[in-house]
Amino acid sequence: MKLLAHRGYSAHYPENTMEAFIQAYRRGFDGVETDVHMTKDGKLVLIHDETIDRTSNGSGFIQDYTYKQLQDYSFSYGYPGYYPLPLLEDLLVLIQGKPFVVNIELKTDVIAYPGIEEKVYQLVHELGVEKQIYYSSFSLTSVLKMQKLDPKAYVGYLMEEHYEQKYQELLKHHIRAFHPRYDFLDKQTITTLKRHGIQIASWTIPDFTEYQRLKDLGVDILISNEYLR
């Protein structure tokens, strides 16, 4: 089982910043989960929301800014100091040569950034870290695009509602990994998924009790804001 830091070590550092990713590595996580959007000038940036309002001292949609313009803001999420918005490339360079993985969530379920799947895939392969990458998305379109781009890649289908619909889509399209919210998982559900050879990653684990329950049930990847070992 692998334990991934949700948006980096975001329990103690600003989410989706290089400091949060570096601290996750130093603290002994197996990897990090992060979120990818695309700027007006086609840069791949790491931020959860479609806008910068919640996590920075600015406002507006990521897609309406160039990357250079975004450097004027601190993505500190209330922490003191200046925290620049990272590029996906920054994180992938960090993990080169390290026993550390990255779950890249393609944030395309609200805004379908044109060509983002191909750009992410190309960057991952240019930097030679493809064996360290898990892809995931709430968007079935993005999941299927990633599967087509690299049939051997780990691609997970995210869900927090409409379980039965997503489960049927999972089987129909031969998606090999499922990423449901932790409270959708019980012994019967996990047994059924495992019977179909589907890997299971769950988020966001709130406490040690849930961590231990899911670990005992055989979940493959746990994604948490906190270090629960």
Protein backbone atom coordinates (compact mmCIF):
# COMPACT_ATOMS: atom_id res chain seq x y z
CA MET A 1 0.00 0.00 0.00
CA LYS A 2 1.15 3.53 -0.82
CA LEU A 3 0.38 6.66 1.17
CA LEU A 4 0.17 9.88 -0.85
CA ALA A 5 0.09 13.40 0.57
CA HIS A 6 -3.05 15.18 -0.59
CA ARG A 7 -2.04 18.36 -2.47
CA GLY A 8 1.37 17.81 -0.88
CA TYR A 9 1.79 17.83 2.91
CA SER A 10 -1.13 20.24 3.10
CA ALA A 11 -1.87 19.67 6.78
CA HIS A 12 1.14 21.85 7.61
CA TYR A 13 2.16 23.71 4.43
CA PRO A 14 0.26 25.67 1.75
CA GLU A 15 -1.46 23.17 -0.53
CA ASN A 16 -0.04 22.45 -3.97
CA THR A 17 3.16 24.42 -3.39
CA MET A 18 6.68 23.20 -3.88
CA GLU A 19 7.26 23.43 -0.14
CA ALA A 20 4.30 21.10 0.50
CA PHE A 21 5.70 18.60 -2.03
CA ILE A 22 9.25 18.78 -0.68
CA GLN A 23 8.06 18.29 2.91
CA ALA A 24 5.96 15.28 1.88
CA TYR A 25 9.10 13.67 0.48
CA ARG A 26 11.14 14.51 3.57
CA ARG A 27 8.45 13.20 5.94
CA GLY A 28 8.35 9.78 4.31
CA PHE A 29 5.22 9.79 2.15
CA ASP A 30 5.40 7.48 -0.86
CA GLY A 31 4.30 10.33 -3.12
CA VAL A 32 1.92 13.23 -3.56
CA GLU A 33 -1.42 13.92 -5.17
CA THR A 34 -1.77 17.18 -7.07
CA ASP A 35 -4.11 18.99 -9.47
CA VAL A 36 -3.29 20.34 -12.94
CA HIS A 37 -4.89 23.29 -14.73
CA MET A 38 -3.74 25.25 -17.80
CA THR A 39 -3.06 28.98 -18.08
CA LYS A 40 -3.98 31.33 -20.89
CA ASP A 41 -0.55 30.78 -22.46
CA GLY A 42 -0.70 26.99 -22.17
CA LYS A 43 1.40 26.45 -19.04
CA LEU A 44 0.56 23.47 -16.81
CA VAL A 45 0.14 24.72 -13.24
CA LEU A 46 -0.58 22.99 -9.93
CA ILE A 47 -3.66 24.31 -8.16
CA HIS A 48 -6.91 22.68 -7.05
CA ASP A 49 -9.55 25.25 -7.97
CA GLU A 50 -10.43 26.75 -11.34
CA THR A 51 -9.88 30.18 -9.79
CA ILE A 52 -7.08 31.61 -7.65
CA ASP A 53 -9.48 33.20 -5.13
CA ARG A 54 -9.27 30.66 -2.30
CA THR A 55 -5.56 29.90 -2.24
CA SER A 56 -3.95 33.21 -3.25
CA ASN A 57 -4.15 36.94 -2.65
CA GLY A 58 -5.66 37.44 -6.09
CA SER A 59 -8.87 36.52 -7.88
CA GLY A 60 -10.05 35.24 -11.23
CA PHE A 61 -9.83 32.13 -13.38
CA ILE A 62 -6.54 30.38 -14.09
CA GLN A 63 -7.41 30.19 -17.78
CA ASP A 64 -7.63 34.00 -17.96
CA TYR A 65 -4.06 34.59 -16.73
CA THR A 66 -0.68 34.03 -18.32
CA TYR A 67 1.82 32.21 -16.12
CA LYS A 68 3.91 35.38 -15.83
CA GLN A 69 0.90 37.31 -14.54
CA LEU A 70 0.25 34.66 -11.90
CA GLN A 71 3.72 35.20 -10.45
CA ASP A 72 2.43 38.50 -9.02
CA TYR A 73 0.39 36.55 -6.45
CA SER A 74 1.32 34.44 -3.46
CA PHE A 75 -0.40 31.06 -3.26
CA SER A 76 0.17 30.88 0.48
CA TYR A 77 -3.38 29.90 1.51
CA GLY A 78 -3.06 32.18 4.53
CA TYR A 79 0.48 31.18 5.51
CA PRO A 80 3.05 34.00 5.89
CA GLY A 81 5.51 34.56 3.07
CA TYR A 82 5.51 34.34 -0.71
CA TYR A 83 4.66 31.01 -2.34
CA PRO A 84 4.69 31.04 -6.16
CA LEU A 85 2.30 28.93 -8.18
CA PRO A 86 4.30 25.85 -9.27
CA LEU A 87 4.49 24.43 -12.74
CA LEU A 88 3.93 20.71 -13.22
CA GLU A 89 7.46 20.64 -14.62
CA ASP A 90 8.85 21.88 -11.27
CA LEU A 91 7.36 18.90 -9.44
CA LEU A 92 8.37 16.35 -12.07
CA VAL A 93 11.98 17.58 -12.00
CA LEU A 94 11.91 17.25 -8.19
CA ILE A 95 10.96 13.55 -8.35
CA GLN A 96 13.50 12.53 -11.00
CA GLY A 97 15.66 9.71 -9.66
CA LYS A 98 13.74 9.48 -6.37
CA PRO A 99 11.57 6.61 -5.07
CA PHE A 100 8.56 8.94 -5.12
CA VAL A 101 5.34 8.98 -7.15
CA VAL A 102 2.92 11.69 -8.27
CA ASN A 103 -0.81 11.30 -8.78
CA ILE A 104 -1.68 13.94 -11.39
CA GLU A 105 -5.36 14.81 -11.28
CA LEU A 106 -6.46 16.36 -14.56
CA LYS A 107 -8.93 19.08 -13.51
CA THR A 108 -11.10 18.96 -16.59
CA ASP A 109 -14.52 18.21 -15.14
CA VAL A 110 -15.46 21.93 -14.97
CA ILE A 111 -13.26 23.46 -17.68
CA ALA A 112 -12.18 21.18 -20.53
CA TYR A 113 -8.76 22.68 -21.28
CA PRO A 114 -8.03 21.87 -24.95
CA GLY A 115 -5.14 19.45 -25.34
CA ILE A 116 -4.20 19.30 -21.66
CA GLU A 117 -4.00 15.51 -21.65
CA GLU A 118 -1.49 15.47 -24.52
CA LYS A 119 0.60 18.25 -22.95
CA VAL A 120 0.79 16.46 -19.59
CA TYR A 121 1.64 13.15 -21.24
CA GLN A 122 4.36 14.72 -23.39
CA LEU A 123 5.98 16.48 -20.42
CA VAL A 124 5.96 13.32 -18.30
CA HIS A 125 7.74 11.39 -21.05
CA GLU A 126 10.19 14.18 -21.90
CA LEU A 127 11.36 14.14 -18.27
CA GLY A 128 11.50 10.34 -18.12
CA VAL A 129 9.27 9.93 -15.05
CA GLU A 130 6.43 7.94 -16.61
CA LYS A 131 6.95 5.00 -14.23
CA GLN A 132 6.39 7.36 -11.27
CA ILE A 133 3.08 8.80 -12.47
CA TYR A 134 -0.53 7.95 -11.73
CA TYR A 135 -3.13 9.85 -13.76
CA SER A 136 -6.68 10.46 -12.53
CA SER A 137 -9.72 12.58 -13.32
CA PHE A 138 -13.41 13.01 -12.57
CA SER A 139 -13.83 13.47 -16.34
CA LEU A 140 -14.46 10.25 -18.21
CA THR A 141 -13.29 11.99 -21.39
CA SER A 142 -9.88 12.75 -19.86
CA VAL A 143 -9.57 9.24 -18.44
CA LEU A 144 -10.21 7.68 -21.85
CA LYS A 145 -7.81 10.09 -23.56
CA MET A 146 -5.02 9.16 -21.15
CA GLN A 147 -5.74 5.45 -21.66
CA LYS A 148 -5.46 5.93 -25.41
CA LEU A 149 -2.25 7.97 -25.13
CA ASP A 150 -0.59 5.30 -23.00
CA PRO A 151 -2.43 1.98 -22.64
CA LYS A 152 0.17 0.84 -20.08
CA ALA A 153 -0.18 3.87 -17.81
CA TYR A 154 -1.97 3.90 -14.46
CA VAL A 155 -5.20 5.82 -15.06
CA GLY A 156 -7.80 6.20 -12.30
CA TYR A 157 -11.43 7.29 -12.46
CA LEU A 158 -12.36 9.65 -9.62
CA MET A 159 -15.77 9.75 -7.94
CA GLU A 160 -17.63 11.32 -5.05
CA GLU A 161 -21.18 10.68 -6.21
CA HIS A 162 -23.16 8.53 -8.69
CA TYR A 163 -21.31 5.39 -7.64
CA GLU A 164 -23.33 2.91 -9.69
CA GLN A 165 -23.02 4.96 -12.88
CA LYS A 166 -19.27 5.36 -12.49
CA TYR A 167 -18.83 1.71 -11.58
CA GLN A 168 -20.58 0.66 -14.80
CA GLU A 169 -18.43 3.09 -16.82
CA LEU A 170 -15.35 1.65 -15.12
CA LEU A 171 -16.21 -1.85 -16.35
CA LYS A 172 -17.43 -0.78 -19.79
CA HIS A 173 -14.23 1.08 -20.65
CA HIS A 174 -11.85 -1.33 -18.90
CA ILE A 175 -10.49 1.36 -16.59
CA ARG A 176 -8.00 -0.35 -14.31
CA ALA A 177 -8.11 1.96 -11.28
CA PHE A 178 -10.93 3.52 -9.24
CA HIS A 179 -10.56 6.55 -6.95
CA PRO A 180 -13.72 6.86 -4.82
CA ARG A 181 -14.06 9.05 -1.74
CA TYR A 182 -13.19 7.02 1.36
CA ASP A 183 -16.74 6.73 2.73
CA PHE A 184 -17.96 4.85 -0.35
CA LEU A 185 -15.73 1.90 0.42
CA ASP A 186 -16.68 -1.16 2.45
CA LYS A 187 -15.60 -4.79 2.40
CA GLN A 188 -18.14 -5.89 -0.21
CA THR A 189 -17.33 -3.00 -2.57
CA ILE A 190 -13.59 -3.59 -2.32
CA THR A 191 -14.00 -7.34 -2.84
CA THR A 192 -16.05 -6.72 -6.00
CA LEU A 193 -13.53 -4.25 -7.41
CA LYS A 194 -10.62 -6.57 -6.66
CA ARG A 195 -12.44 -9.44 -8.36
CA HIS A 196 -12.36 -7.38 -11.56
CA GLY A 197 -8.64 -6.64 -11.12
CA ILE A 198 -9.25 -2.96 -10.42
CA GLN A 199 -6.76 -1.06 -8.27
CA ILE A 200 -8.28 1.14 -5.57
CA ALA A 201 -7.14 4.55 -4.36
CA SER A 202 -9.16 6.44 -1.77
CA TRP A 203 -9.26 10.06 -0.58
CA THR A 204 -9.20 12.12 1.63
CA ILE A 205 -8.58 9.92 4.69
CA PRO A 206 -9.65 12.01 7.72
CA ASP A 207 -8.15 10.14 10.66
CA PHE A 208 -6.17 7.09 11.76
CA THR A 209 -9.30 4.97 12.33
CA GLU A 210 -10.30 5.30 8.66
CA TYR A 211 -6.70 4.84 7.58
CA GLN A 212 -6.46 1.53 9.46
CA ARG A 213 -9.90 0.34 8.26
CA LEU A 214 -9.07 0.91 4.60
CA LYS A 215 -5.57 -0.48 4.94
CA ASP A 216 -6.97 -3.66 6.51
CA LEU A 217 -9.50 -3.95 3.68
CA GLY A 218 -6.71 -3.93 1.12
CA VAL A 219 -6.96 -0.50 -0.52
CA ASP A 220 -3.90 0.00 -2.74
CA ILE A 221 -3.39 3.77 -2.33
CA LEU A 222 -4.50 6.09 0.46
CA ILE A 223 -4.48 9.85 -0.10
CA SER A 224 -4.43 12.01 3.03
CA ASN A 225 -3.77 15.53 4.29
CA GLU A 226 -1.90 14.10 7.24
CA TYR A 227 0.87 11.61 7.88
CA LEU A 228 -1.05 8.70 9.40
CA ARG A 229 1.50 5.89 9.68
